[in-house]
């Protein structure tokens, strides 16, 4: 009987910790803050730029969510993403924008290589 009680309490305790961990890591607010922080470090954003970039990243997150929920409007959402990119270009200095663009191209290249490798491996 005592073992059963101990196991039940242990299970309840672990469940509580697991849910707490999800709260800290989940949610787009944390993700947006982290992205702004990373962009600040990479591009040396000032406080005003940080605020504007945070708003743009929130919009971008909403657009991505809309794409996942409603793939039929893919072209419309793609246009929104391009508009979001234009707004970002207005917020950043030309040097910052070029550096950001280079970073994005590099990240896209890394992801594309991984997909190509997987595709070639599956063909073998």
C-alpha atoms as a PDB file:
ATOM      1  CA  UNK A   1       0.000   0.000   0.000  1.00  0.00           C
ATOM      2  CA  UNK A   2       2.817   2.385   0.899  1.00  0.00           C
ATOM      3  CA  UNK A   3       4.540   1.624  -2.394  1.00  0.00           C
ATOM      4  CA  UNK A   4       1.375   2.500  -4.286  1.00  0.00           C
ATOM      5  CA  UNK A   5       1.097   5.860  -2.520  1.00  0.00           C
ATOM      6  CA  UNK A   6       4.775   6.660  -3.167  1.00  0.00           C
ATOM      7  CA  UNK A   7       4.427   5.780  -6.866  1.00  0.00           C
ATOM      8  CA  UNK A   8       1.285   7.921  -7.163  1.00  0.00           C
ATOM      9  CA  UNK A   9       2.957  10.923  -5.517  1.00  0.00           C
ATOM     10  CA  UNK A  10       6.023  10.510  -7.685  1.00  0.00           C
ATOM     11  CA  UNK A  11       3.889  10.385 -10.832  1.00  0.00           C
ATOM     12  CA  UNK A  12       1.994  13.514  -9.812  1.00  0.00           C
ATOM     13  CA  UNK A  13       5.217  15.352  -9.052  1.00  0.00           C
ATOM     14  CA  UNK A  14       6.838  14.441 -12.363  1.00  0.00           C
ATOM     15  CA  UNK A  15       3.739  15.437 -14.282  1.00  0.00           C
ATOM     16  CA  UNK A  16       3.829  18.859 -12.645  1.00  0.00           C
ATOM     17  CA  UNK A  17       7.450  19.406 -13.631  1.00  0.00           C
ATOM     18  CA  UNK A  18       6.811  18.282 -17.204  1.00  0.00           C
ATOM     19  CA  UNK A  19       3.987  20.772 -17.623  1.00  0.00           C
ATOM     20  CA  UNK A  20       6.046  23.555 -16.086  1.00  0.00           C
ATOM     21  CA  UNK A  21       8.839  22.912 -18.599  1.00  0.00           C
ATOM     22  CA  UNK A  22       6.419  23.191 -21.506  1.00  0.00           C
ATOM     23  CA  UNK A  23       5.238  26.599 -20.320  1.00  0.00           C
ATOM     24  CA  UNK A  24       8.746  27.995 -20.280  1.00  0.00           C
ATOM     25  CA  UNK A  25       9.765  26.667 -23.679  1.00  0.00           C
ATOM     26  CA  UNK A  26       6.441  26.862 -25.494  1.00  0.00           C
ATOM     27  CA  UNK A  27       4.597  29.868 -26.851  1.00  0.00           C
ATOM     28  CA  UNK A  28       5.632  32.296 -29.563  1.00  0.00           C
ATOM     29  CA  UNK A  29       6.298  35.169 -27.137  1.00  0.00           C
ATOM     30  CA  UNK A  30       9.418  33.456 -25.854  1.00  0.00           C
ATOM     31  CA  UNK A  31      10.419  32.499 -29.378  1.00  0.00           C
ATOM     32  CA  UNK A  32      10.000  36.079 -30.598  1.00  0.00           C
ATOM     33  CA  UNK A  33      12.013  37.418 -27.676  1.00  0.00           C
ATOM     34  CA  UNK A  34      14.758  34.943 -28.414  1.00  0.00           C
ATOM     35  CA  UNK A  35      14.758  35.851 -32.100  1.00  0.00           C
ATOM     36  CA  UNK A  36      14.948  39.570 -31.289  1.00  0.00           C
ATOM     37  CA  UNK A  37      17.790  38.897 -28.874  1.00  0.00           C
ATOM     38  CA  UNK A  38      19.672  36.894 -31.485  1.00  0.00           C
ATOM     39  CA  UNK A  39      19.130  39.557 -34.147  1.00  0.00           C
ATOM     40  CA  UNK A  40      20.289  42.213 -31.668  1.00  0.00           C
ATOM     41  CA  UNK A  41      23.505  40.296 -31.075  1.00  0.00           C
ATOM     42  CA  UNK A  42      24.113  39.585 -34.767  1.00  0.00           C
ATOM     43  CA  UNK A  43      23.113  42.993 -36.159  1.00  0.00           C
ATOM     44  CA  UNK A  44      23.699  45.372 -33.218  1.00  0.00           C
ATOM     45  CA  UNK A  45      20.116  46.636 -33.154  1.00  0.00           C
ATOM     46  CA  UNK A  46      19.283  49.720 -31.101  1.00  0.00           C
ATOM     47  CA  UNK A  47      16.304  49.850 -28.722  1.00  0.00           C
ATOM     48  CA  UNK A  48      13.950  51.412 -31.291  1.00  0.00           C
ATOM     49  CA  UNK A  49      14.874  48.801 -33.886  1.00  0.00           C
ATOM     50  CA  UNK A  50      14.355  46.027 -31.356  1.00  0.00           C
ATOM     51  CA  UNK A  51      10.785  47.163 -30.708  1.00  0.00           C
ATOM     52  CA  UNK A  52       9.969  47.407 -34.415  1.00  0.00           C
ATOM     53  CA  UNK A  53      11.602  44.069 -35.210  1.00  0.00           C
ATOM     54  CA  UNK A  54       9.639  42.401 -32.399  1.00  0.00           C
ATOM     55  CA  UNK A  55       6.365  43.619 -33.944  1.00  0.00           C
ATOM     56  CA  UNK A  56       7.428  42.393 -37.388  1.00  0.00           C
ATOM     57  CA  UNK A  57       8.431  39.005 -36.011  1.00  0.00           C
ATOM     58  CA  UNK A  58       5.038  38.694 -34.295  1.00  0.00           C
ATOM     59  CA  UNK A  59       3.360  39.421 -37.643  1.00  0.00           C
ATOM     60  CA  UNK A  60       5.608  36.862 -39.313  1.00  0.00           C
ATOM     61  CA  UNK A  61       4.654  34.259 -36.724  1.00  0.00           C
ATOM     62  CA  UNK A  62       0.971  34.957 -37.325  1.00  0.00           C
ATOM     63  CA  UNK A  63       1.445  34.612 -41.095  1.00  0.00           C
ATOM     64  CA  UNK A  64       3.271  31.294 -40.675  1.00  0.00           C
ATOM     65  CA  UNK A  65       0.480  30.048 -38.436  1.00  0.00           C
ATOM     66  CA  UNK A  66      -2.081  31.074 -41.078  1.00  0.00           C
ATOM     67  CA  UNK A  67      -0.123  29.176 -43.729  1.00  0.00           C
ATOM     68  CA  UNK A  68      -0.220  26.009 -41.642  1.00  0.00           C
ATOM     69  CA  UNK A  69      -3.912  26.361 -40.826  1.00  0.00           C
ATOM     70  CA  UNK A  70      -5.088  27.359 -44.301  1.00  0.00           C
ATOM     71  CA  UNK A  71      -2.708  26.224 -47.069  1.00  0.00           C
ATOM     72  CA  UNK A  72      -5.164  27.297 -49.801  1.00  0.00           C
ATOM     73  CA  UNK A  73      -4.178  30.947 -49.265  1.00  0.00           C
ATOM     74  CA  UNK A  74      -0.497  30.206 -49.801  1.00  0.00           C
ATOM     75  CA  UNK A  75       0.033  32.907 -52.456  1.00  0.00           C
ATOM     76  CA  UNK A  76      -1.726  35.565 -50.385  1.00  0.00           C
ATOM     77  CA  UNK A  77       0.371  34.673 -47.356  1.00  0.00           C
ATOM     78  CA  UNK A  78       3.534  34.663 -49.461  1.00  0.00           C
ATOM     79  CA  UNK A  79       2.712  38.240 -50.496  1.00  0.00           C
ATOM     80  CA  UNK A  80       2.255  39.147 -46.832  1.00  0.00           C
ATOM     81  CA  UNK A  81       5.674  37.659 -46.027  1.00  0.00           C
ATOM     82  CA  UNK A  82       7.279  39.731 -48.798  1.00  0.00           C
ATOM     83  CA  UNK A  83       5.598  42.849 -47.411  1.00  0.00           C
ATOM     84  CA  UNK A  84       6.906  41.931 -43.963  1.00  0.00           C
ATOM     85  CA  UNK A  85      10.404  41.657 -45.466  1.00  0.00           C
ATOM     86  CA  UNK A  86      10.075  45.126 -46.991  1.00  0.00           C
ATOM     87  CA  UNK A  87       9.089  46.536 -43.615  1.00  0.00           C
ATOM     88  CA  UNK A  88      12.120  44.874 -42.042  1.00  0.00           C
ATOM     89  CA  UNK A  89      14.331  46.453 -44.696  1.00  0.00           C
ATOM     90  CA  UNK A  90      12.954  49.856 -43.687  1.00  0.00           C
ATOM     91  CA  UNK A  91      13.753  49.227 -40.008  1.00  0.00           C
ATOM     92  CA  UNK A  92      17.311  47.997 -40.537  1.00  0.00           C
ATOM     93  CA  UNK A  93      20.224  49.998 -41.902  1.00  0.00           C
ATOM     94  CA  UNK A  94      21.515  48.854 -45.316  1.00  0.00           C
ATOM     95  CA  UNK A  95      24.519  47.178 -43.669  1.00  0.00           C
ATOM     96  CA  UNK A  96      22.327  45.403 -41.124  1.00  0.00           C
ATOM     97  CA  UNK A  97      19.926  44.252 -43.820  1.00  0.00           C
ATOM     98  CA  UNK A  98      22.716  42.818 -45.968  1.00  0.00           C
ATOM     99  CA  UNK A  99      24.154  40.993 -42.964  1.00  0.00           C
ATOM    100  CA  UNK A 100      20.685  39.661 -42.036  1.00  0.00           C
ATOM    101  CA  UNK A 101      20.074  38.551 -45.625  1.00  0.00           C
ATOM    102  CA  UNK A 102      23.436  36.744 -45.715  1.00  0.00           C
ATOM    103  CA  UNK A 103      22.590  34.995 -42.428  1.00  0.00           C
ATOM    104  CA  UNK A 104      19.190  33.924 -43.775  1.00  0.00           C
ATOM    105  CA  UNK A 105      20.710  32.615 -47.019  1.00  0.00           C
ATOM    106  CA  UNK A 106      23.246  30.645 -45.008  1.00  0.00           C
ATOM    107  CA  UNK A 107      20.518  29.117 -42.815  1.00  0.00           C
ATOM    108  CA  UNK A 108      18.397  28.242 -45.844  1.00  0.00           C
ATOM    109  CA  UNK A 109      21.416  26.617 -47.454  1.00  0.00           C
ATOM    110  CA  UNK A 110      22.052  24.496 -44.389  1.00  0.00           C
ATOM    111  CA  UNK A 111      18.450  23.301 -44.295  1.00  0.00           C
ATOM    112  CA  UNK A 112      18.369  22.625 -48.023  1.00  0.00           C
ATOM    113  CA  UNK A 113      21.547  20.535 -47.901  1.00  0.00           C
ATOM    114  CA  UNK A 114      20.080  18.349 -45.198  1.00  0.00           C
ATOM    115  CA  UNK A 115      16.929  17.751 -47.220  1.00  0.00           C
ATOM    116  CA  UNK A 116      18.949  16.981 -50.347  1.00  0.00           C
ATOM    117  CA  UNK A 117      21.085  14.494 -48.445  1.00  0.00           C
ATOM    118  CA  UNK A 118      18.022  12.718 -47.071  1.00  0.00           C
ATOM    119  CA  UNK A 119      16.435  12.582 -50.515  1.00  0.00           C
ATOM    120  CA  UNK A 120      19.569  11.132 -52.107  1.00  0.00           C
ATOM    121  CA  UNK A 121      19.938   8.586 -49.300  1.00  0.00           C
ATOM    122  CA  UNK A 122      16.352   7.414 -49.723  1.00  0.00           C
ATOM    123  CA  UNK A 123      16.882   6.919 -53.477  1.00  0.00           C
ATOM    124  CA  UNK A 124      19.782   4.515 -52.868  1.00  0.00           C
END
